[in-house]
Amino acid sequence: MAKSKVYFTDFHTVANENLLAKLERLIRKAGIAAIDFKKQYAVVKVHFGEPGNVAYIRPNYGRVVAEVVKSLGGQVFFTDCNTLYVGRRKNALEHIDTAYENGYNPFTLGCHVIIGDGLKGTDEEVVKIDQQYVKEAKIGRAIMDADIFISLNHFKGHVEAGFGGAIKNIGMGCGSRAGKMEMHQDGKPRVKTNLCIGCKKCFKACASGAISFAANKKMQISDKCTGCGRCIGYCNFNAIATSWNSPELLNYKMAEYAYAVLKDRPHFHISLVCDVSPDCDCFDANDLPIVGDIGMLASFDPVALDQACADLVNKAEVTVNSKLGKTKKRSGDHFTDLHPTSNWHSQIEHAEKIGLGSSNYELIEI
């Protein structure tokens, strides 16, 4: 089997080429122009960053991607889907506010921002894939309406997945609330009774008749629950939460969701290995990078891209005063040393198994 091509450039600059120009040269060299963008809708999936976290990708890089797509005749927009957990990206209104606050707005990007799964995370398209763990993936409708998919990934650590790269940005990031529920757990949400005020908005939102109220007016969830997560989106008091799958099962489902997003349409992937924070951009704070800035990479193969990024990070010198630098273990696998209960290899292996891409790659430096 031929090796997948992954194109790489570092963050060094010269007098006549800044980093933004270098990113454009990278993605053009990697072959993005081979995609027919003419009069096609192209979605760029990115993480807008939780307010308080400043490690997310600067929107200036996003502008480069948008301008390249427009130069090739495409109509482009940026997106992310609402979160399952409590924060400022739980619904589309707060999510757009967050995106704008962090610089992802039409003035900076030169294109619009659309939240992929609607106001409350329930605007989804069901994609049949019949994989080992996921039979029907629930993907944000705006994402599935696009003709071409582009992922712009910030490569960093993650407490459950091991790292967050292309597969996580696509799989977890594009799932609707019900999709995120499916990836994170197989059961039903749980009630934080101390926060429930008995407003019954969740009751009106439940499509399966699973919600009732006890004598103390606190919400209860029965076995009728299908795990759609609508109640989480409708609760304004954060009184409904979810439990989590094992890291391996999370990674397996995440890879299968990424497969659902990418199948049957052109796609292209870009990763920036900089500000490599120990945890996800979903946190409302970030810590000292675990390694120094490494470079920018692009490929048509998201699996090869993630493998290349992981290899580059694992070869890099650990930042002394970072969370990783303060750990005693040095196995040569920075992500496992940082998050010992995670297993990042499982997302690569399963993604390769289902045909999402190949971990066998050729790194081409420009």
Protein backbone atom coordinates (compact mmCIF):
# COMPACT_ATOMS: atom_id res chain seq x y z
CA MET A 1 0.00 0.00 0.00
CA ALA A 2 1.31 3.44 -0.97
CA LYS A 3 2.14 5.80 1.86
CA SER A 4 -0.20 8.73 2.44
CA LYS A 5 1.42 12.08 1.78
CA VAL A 6 1.62 14.52 4.67
CA TYR A 7 3.09 17.94 3.91
CA PHE A 8 4.99 19.79 6.62
CA THR A 9 6.54 23.19 7.23
CA ASP A 10 8.02 24.65 10.40
CA PHE A 11 7.34 28.04 11.96
CA HIS A 12 10.51 29.71 10.75
CA THR A 13 9.99 32.69 8.46
CA VAL A 14 12.02 34.76 6.03
CA ALA A 15 11.76 38.42 5.06
CA ASN A 16 9.39 37.89 2.14
CA GLU A 17 7.15 35.16 3.62
CA ASN A 18 5.30 35.37 6.94
CA LEU A 19 3.51 32.44 8.62
CA LEU A 20 0.18 33.17 6.92
CA ALA A 21 1.79 33.12 3.48
CA LYS A 22 3.63 29.97 4.48
CA LEU A 23 0.36 28.26 5.44
CA GLU A 24 -1.12 29.14 2.06
CA ARG A 25 1.91 27.73 0.28
CA LEU A 26 1.64 24.56 2.37
CA ILE A 27 -2.00 23.81 1.61
CA ARG A 28 -1.59 24.60 -2.07
CA LYS A 29 1.47 22.37 -2.26
CA ALA A 30 -0.49 19.63 -0.49
CA GLY A 31 -2.97 19.71 -3.37
CA ILE A 32 -6.10 21.45 -2.13
CA ALA A 33 -6.66 22.85 -5.62
CA ALA A 34 -7.29 19.29 -6.87
CA ILE A 35 -10.76 19.60 -5.29
CA ASP A 36 -13.39 21.17 -7.54
CA PHE A 37 -14.66 24.06 -5.41
CA LYS A 38 -16.53 25.92 -8.16
CA LYS A 39 -19.96 26.97 -6.88
CA GLN A 40 -19.67 24.40 -4.09
CA TYR A 41 -20.34 24.94 -0.37
CA ALA A 42 -17.20 24.26 1.66
CA VAL A 43 -17.33 23.93 5.45
CA VAL A 44 -14.25 24.51 7.59
CA LYS A 45 -14.55 22.70 10.93
CA VAL A 46 -12.53 24.38 13.67
CA HIS A 47 -12.64 24.62 17.46
CA PHE A 48 -13.51 28.23 18.37
CA GLY A 49 -12.03 27.82 21.86
CA GLU A 50 -13.75 28.14 25.23
CA PRO A 51 -13.52 31.69 26.63
CA GLY A 52 -10.54 31.96 28.96
CA ASN A 53 -8.51 29.51 26.87
CA VAL A 54 -6.01 31.22 24.56
CA ALA A 55 -4.31 28.17 23.04
CA TYR A 56 -6.87 27.68 20.23
CA ILE A 57 -5.87 28.38 16.62
CA ARG A 58 -5.68 32.10 15.84
CA PRO A 59 -8.42 33.10 13.38
CA ASN A 60 -5.78 34.70 11.15
CA TYR A 61 -4.90 31.18 9.99
CA GLY A 62 -8.57 30.51 9.31
CA ARG A 63 -8.71 33.56 7.06
CA VAL A 64 -5.96 32.03 4.91
CA VAL A 65 -8.00 28.85 4.42
CA ALA A 66 -11.15 30.83 3.60
CA GLU A 67 -9.35 32.98 1.03
CA VAL A 68 -7.83 29.94 -0.68
CA VAL A 69 -11.26 28.30 -0.95
CA LYS A 70 -12.79 31.50 -2.36
CA SER A 71 -9.93 31.86 -4.84
CA LEU A 72 -10.81 28.37 -6.10
CA GLY A 73 -14.46 29.32 -6.62
CA GLY A 74 -15.97 27.92 -3.43
CA GLN A 75 -18.49 29.36 -0.99
CA VAL A 76 -17.06 28.88 2.47
CA PHE A 77 -18.22 29.03 6.08
CA PHE A 78 -16.71 28.07 9.44
CA THR A 79 -18.49 25.82 11.91
CA ASP A 80 -18.47 23.90 15.16
CA CYS A 81 -21.25 22.03 16.97
CA ASN A 82 -22.63 22.73 20.42
CA THR A 83 -21.10 21.09 23.44
CA LEU A 84 -22.55 18.39 25.66
CA TYR A 85 -21.10 19.84 28.84
CA VAL A 86 -21.70 23.11 30.66
CA GLY A 87 -19.86 26.11 29.24
CA ARG A 88 -20.30 29.02 26.87
CA ARG A 89 -20.71 26.90 23.75
CA LYS A 90 -23.75 24.93 24.89
CA ASN A 91 -26.23 26.65 22.55
CA ALA A 92 -25.85 28.51 19.26
CA LEU A 93 -26.33 32.01 20.67
CA GLU A 94 -23.62 31.68 23.30
CA HIS A 95 -21.50 29.68 20.87
CA ILE A 96 -21.54 32.42 18.23
CA ASP A 97 -20.81 35.01 20.93
CA THR A 98 -17.80 32.90 21.93
CA ALA A 99 -16.62 32.53 18.34
CA TYR A 100 -16.85 36.27 17.77
CA GLU A 101 -15.16 37.05 21.08
CA ASN A 102 -12.27 34.77 20.15
CA GLY A 103 -11.92 36.39 16.74
CA TYR A 104 -13.87 33.95 14.58
CA ASN A 105 -16.22 36.45 12.96
CA PRO A 106 -17.03 37.58 9.38
CA PHE A 107 -14.70 40.58 9.62
CA THR A 108 -11.68 38.49 10.59
CA LEU A 109 -12.43 35.39 8.52
CA GLY A 110 -13.95 36.99 5.45
CA CYS A 111 -16.85 34.52 5.67
CA HIS A 112 -19.71 33.57 7.96
CA VAL A 113 -19.81 31.41 11.09
CA ILE A 114 -22.67 28.88 11.35
CA ILE A 115 -23.24 26.59 14.34
CA GLY A 116 -23.51 23.15 12.80
CA ASP A 117 -26.31 21.61 14.88
CA GLY A 118 -28.62 24.56 15.43
CA LEU A 119 -29.82 26.54 18.41
CA LYS A 120 -29.97 23.74 20.98
CA GLY A 121 -27.84 21.03 19.41
CA THR A 122 -30.80 19.14 17.96
CA ASP A 123 -30.58 20.09 14.26
CA GLU A 124 -28.97 16.94 12.93
CA GLU A 125 -28.78 14.57 9.98
CA VAL A 126 -28.73 10.83 10.61
CA VAL A 127 -26.00 9.17 8.53
CA LYS A 128 -26.16 5.38 8.14
CA ILE A 129 -22.72 3.79 8.37
CA ASP A 130 -23.31 0.33 9.94
CA GLN A 131 -19.93 0.25 11.65
CA GLN A 132 -18.96 -1.91 14.63
CA TYR A 133 -20.08 0.51 17.33
CA VAL A 134 -22.15 3.12 15.50
CA LYS A 135 -24.91 2.19 13.08
CA GLU A 136 -26.35 5.66 12.52
CA ALA A 137 -24.29 8.77 13.29
CA LYS A 138 -26.03 12.00 14.26
CA ILE A 139 -24.16 14.86 12.57
CA GLY A 140 -24.86 18.60 12.61
CA ARG A 141 -27.10 19.32 9.63
CA ALA A 142 -25.21 22.37 8.34
CA ILE A 143 -22.05 20.27 8.18
CA MET A 144 -23.74 17.54 6.15
CA ASP A 145 -25.34 20.12 3.85
CA ALA A 146 -21.87 21.22 2.69
CA ASP A 147 -20.39 19.74 -0.49
CA ILE A 148 -16.76 19.79 0.68
CA PHE A 149 -15.32 19.29 4.16
CA ILE A 150 -12.12 20.86 5.50
CA SER A 151 -10.78 20.32 9.02
CA LEU A 152 -8.52 22.92 10.62
CA ASN A 153 -7.12 21.30 13.74
CA HIS A 154 -5.20 22.48 16.79
CA PHE A 155 -3.10 19.51 17.85
CA LYS A 156 -2.94 19.19 21.67
CA GLY A 157 -3.42 16.80 24.56
CA HIS A 158 -6.74 15.39 25.78
CA VAL A 159 -7.55 13.73 29.08
CA GLU A 160 -9.66 10.93 27.54
CA ALA A 161 -8.67 10.63 23.88
CA GLY A 162 -4.94 11.10 24.58
CA PHE A 163 -4.68 13.86 22.03
CA GLY A 164 -7.05 15.97 19.99
CA GLY A 165 -6.25 16.21 16.30
CA ALA A 166 -8.08 15.70 13.03
CA ILE A 167 -10.08 12.61 14.05
CA LYS A 168 -11.36 14.23 17.22
CA ASN A 169 -12.06 17.59 15.56
CA ILE A 170 -14.12 15.81 12.90
CA GLY A 171 -15.74 12.97 14.85
CA MET A 172 -16.57 14.50 18.21
CA GLY A 173 -16.68 18.04 16.88
CA CYS A 174 -19.30 17.35 14.22
CA GLY A 175 -21.64 15.25 16.35
CA SER A 176 -24.94 16.82 17.36
CA ARG A 177 -25.87 16.68 21.04
CA ALA A 178 -27.32 13.19 20.51
CA GLY A 179 -24.18 12.24 18.62
CA LYS A 180 -21.92 13.42 21.41
CA MET A 181 -24.08 11.49 23.86
CA GLU A 182 -23.61 8.34 21.80
CA MET A 183 -19.84 8.76 21.64
CA HIS A 184 -19.46 9.55 25.32
CA GLN A 185 -21.85 7.01 26.80
CA ASP A 186 -24.45 4.32 26.13
CA GLY A 187 -26.73 5.13 29.03
CA LYS A 188 -29.00 7.99 30.01
CA PRO A 189 -28.23 11.42 31.48
CA ARG A 190 -28.18 11.92 35.22
CA VAL A 191 -29.93 14.61 37.24
CA LYS A 192 -28.19 17.06 39.54
CA THR A 193 -31.12 17.39 41.92
CA ASN A 194 -29.57 20.31 43.80
CA LEU A 195 -29.72 22.39 40.59
CA CYS A 196 -33.14 21.27 39.30
CA ILE A 197 -35.89 23.89 39.94
CA GLY A 198 -38.73 21.85 38.43
CA CYS A 199 -39.37 24.23 35.51
CA LYS A 200 -40.34 21.26 33.27
CA LYS A 201 -38.70 22.58 30.10
CA CYS A 202 -36.93 19.22 29.83
CA PHE A 203 -40.30 17.46 30.04
CA LYS A 204 -41.59 19.41 27.04
CA ALA A 205 -38.42 18.65 25.08
CA CYS A 206 -38.36 14.89 25.71
CA ALA A 207 -39.57 12.92 22.70
CA SER A 208 -39.56 9.52 24.43
CA GLY A 209 -41.72 10.23 27.49
CA ALA A 210 -38.83 9.42 29.80
CA ILE A 211 -39.09 12.42 32.13
CA SER A 212 -41.30 12.76 35.19
CA PHE A 213 -41.19 14.75 38.41
CA ALA A 214 -41.07 13.52 41.98
CA ALA A 215 -43.09 14.89 44.88
CA ASN A 216 -40.25 17.33 45.59
CA LYS A 217 -40.64 18.66 42.01
CA LYS A 218 -37.22 17.29 41.02
CA MET A 219 -36.77 15.74 37.58
CA GLN A 220 -36.48 11.96 37.14
CA ILE A 221 -35.37 9.99 34.06
CA SER A 222 -36.84 6.55 33.35
CA ASP A 223 -35.61 3.61 31.27
CA LYS A 224 -37.56 4.98 28.29
CA CYS A 225 -34.65 7.41 27.76
CA THR A 226 -33.00 6.99 24.34
CA GLY A 227 -29.97 9.15 25.16
CA CYS A 228 -30.76 11.87 22.61
CA GLY A 229 -29.52 14.64 24.94
CA ARG A 230 -32.30 17.09 24.09
CA CYS A 231 -33.04 17.64 27.79
CA ILE A 232 -29.45 18.80 28.36
CA GLY A 233 -29.84 21.47 25.72
CA TYR A 234 -33.19 22.65 27.06
CA CYS A 235 -32.13 22.92 30.71
CA ASN A 236 -31.07 26.50 31.52
CA PHE A 237 -29.81 25.53 34.97
CA ASN A 238 -27.21 22.86 34.08
CA ALA A 239 -29.14 20.34 36.16
CA ILE A 240 -28.67 17.47 33.69
CA ALA A 241 -25.33 15.84 33.02
CA THR A 242 -23.87 12.71 31.43
CA SER A 243 -21.43 9.98 32.40
CA TRP A 244 -18.52 8.81 30.25
CA ASN A 245 -17.38 5.77 28.25
CA SER A 246 -13.94 4.16 28.52
CA PRO A 247 -11.22 6.03 26.56
CA GLU A 248 -10.96 3.17 24.05
CA LEU A 249 -14.69 3.03 23.31
CA LEU A 250 -14.79 6.82 23.04
CA ASN A 251 -11.99 6.71 20.46
CA TYR A 252 -13.62 3.89 18.49
CA LYS A 253 -16.93 5.74 18.23
CA MET A 254 -15.17 9.02 17.49
CA ALA A 255 -13.37 7.44 14.53
CA GLU A 256 -16.64 6.01 13.23
CA TYR A 257 -18.30 9.42 13.51
CA ALA A 258 -15.39 10.92 11.54
CA TYR A 259 -16.02 8.26 8.90
CA ALA A 260 -19.67 9.34 8.72
CA VAL A 261 -18.71 12.98 8.22
CA LEU A 262 -16.17 12.34 5.46
CA LYS A 263 -17.66 9.53 3.42
CA ASP A 264 -18.83 10.24 -0.12
CA ARG A 265 -17.49 13.79 -0.43
CA PRO A 266 -14.14 15.56 -0.98
CA HIS A 267 -12.19 16.43 2.16
CA PHE A 268 -8.90 18.04 3.16
CA HIS A 269 -7.15 18.41 6.52
CA ILE A 270 -4.80 20.92 8.14
CA SER A 271 -3.16 20.67 11.57
CA LEU A 272 -1.19 23.28 13.48
CA VAL A 273 1.18 21.87 16.09
CA CYS A 274 1.69 24.95 18.22
CA ASP A 275 0.67 25.96 21.74
CA VAL A 276 0.45 22.23 22.44
CA SER A 277 -1.56 22.50 25.63
CA PRO A 278 -1.89 19.43 27.88
CA ASP A 279 -5.69 19.51 27.67
CA CYS A 280 -8.42 20.27 25.15
CA ASP A 281 -9.44 23.75 23.98
CA CYS A 282 -12.82 22.97 25.60
CA PHE A 283 -11.28 23.93 28.97
CA ASP A 284 -11.77 27.56 30.00
CA ALA A 285 -8.03 27.82 30.66
CA ASN A 286 -4.87 26.45 29.11
CA ASP A 287 -1.51 25.57 30.58
CA LEU A 288 2.10 25.92 29.49
CA PRO A 289 2.68 23.99 26.21
CA ILE A 290 4.12 20.53 26.81
CA VAL A 291 6.58 20.97 23.90
CA GLY A 292 7.70 23.90 21.78
CA ASP A 293 5.94 24.94 18.58
CA ILE A 294 6.67 22.42 15.82
CA GLY A 295 4.96 23.30 12.56
CA MET A 296 2.00 23.16 10.20
CA LEU A 297 0.87 20.01 8.35
CA ALA A 298 -1.67 19.22 5.62
CA SER A 299 -2.98 16.04 3.99
CA PHE A 300 -5.96 14.42 2.32
CA ASP A 301 -5.61 11.62 4.91
CA PRO A 302 -6.72 12.56 8.47
CA VAL A 303 -5.28 9.36 9.98
CA ALA A 304 -1.84 9.89 8.49
CA LEU A 305 -2.01 13.52 9.57
CA ASP A 306 -2.74 12.61 13.20
CA GLN A 307 -0.02 9.95 13.23
CA ALA A 308 2.52 12.40 11.81
CA CYS A 309 1.58 15.05 14.38
CA ALA A 310 1.83 12.54 17.25
CA ASP A 311 5.23 11.35 16.03
CA LEU A 312 6.57 14.91 15.79
CA VAL A 313 5.35 15.78 19.29
CA ASN A 314 6.77 12.59 20.78
CA LYS A 315 10.17 13.36 19.24
CA ALA A 316 10.17 16.88 20.66
CA GLU A 317 11.90 17.96 23.86
CA VAL A 318 9.54 18.32 26.82
CA THR A 319 8.99 21.82 28.23
CA VAL A 320 10.61 21.67 31.66
CA ASN A 321 8.01 23.51 33.75
CA SER A 322 4.94 22.17 31.92
CA LYS A 323 2.53 19.59 33.37
CA LEU A 324 4.32 16.95 31.33
CA GLY A 325 7.71 18.25 32.46
CA LYS A 326 6.67 17.79 36.07
CA THR A 327 5.66 14.15 35.62
CA LYS A 328 8.22 11.53 36.63
CA LYS A 329 7.51 9.02 33.86
CA ARG A 330 9.42 9.26 30.57
CA SER A 331 8.32 6.47 28.23
CA GLY A 332 8.87 8.38 25.00
CA ASP A 333 5.10 8.65 24.55
CA HIS A 334 4.31 12.15 25.77
CA PHE A 335 0.53 11.78 25.60
CA THR A 336 0.41 8.56 27.60
CA ASP A 337 2.82 9.99 30.16
CA LEU A 338 0.58 13.05 30.48
CA HIS A 339 -2.72 11.13 30.62
CA PRO A 340 -1.94 7.53 31.72
CA THR A 341 -5.57 6.32 31.55
CA SER A 342 -5.96 7.41 27.91
CA ASN A 343 -5.03 5.36 24.85
CA TRP A 344 -4.50 7.55 21.78
CA HIS A 345 -3.31 4.60 19.71
CA SER A 346 -6.86 3.20 19.75
CA GLN A 347 -8.27 6.04 17.66
CA ILE A 348 -5.54 5.63 15.03
CA GLU A 349 -5.85 1.84 14.92
CA HIS A 350 -9.64 1.82 14.67
CA ALA A 351 -9.72 4.64 12.11
CA GLU A 352 -7.31 2.64 9.97
CA LYS A 353 -9.36 -0.54 10.44
CA ILE A 354 -12.58 1.06 9.15
CA GLY A 355 -10.87 2.61 6.12
CA LEU A 356 -10.73 6.24 7.24
CA GLY A 357 -7.06 6.46 6.28
CA SER A 358 -3.63 5.01 6.88
CA SER A 359 -1.06 5.49 9.63
CA ASN A 360 1.65 4.75 7.05
CA TYR A 361 2.78 8.12 5.75
CA GLU A 362 5.49 10.02 3.89
CA LEU A 363 6.40 13.36 5.47
CA ILE A 364 7.17 15.89 2.76
CA GLU A 365 8.82 19.06 4.03
CA ILE A 366 8.42 22.26 2.08
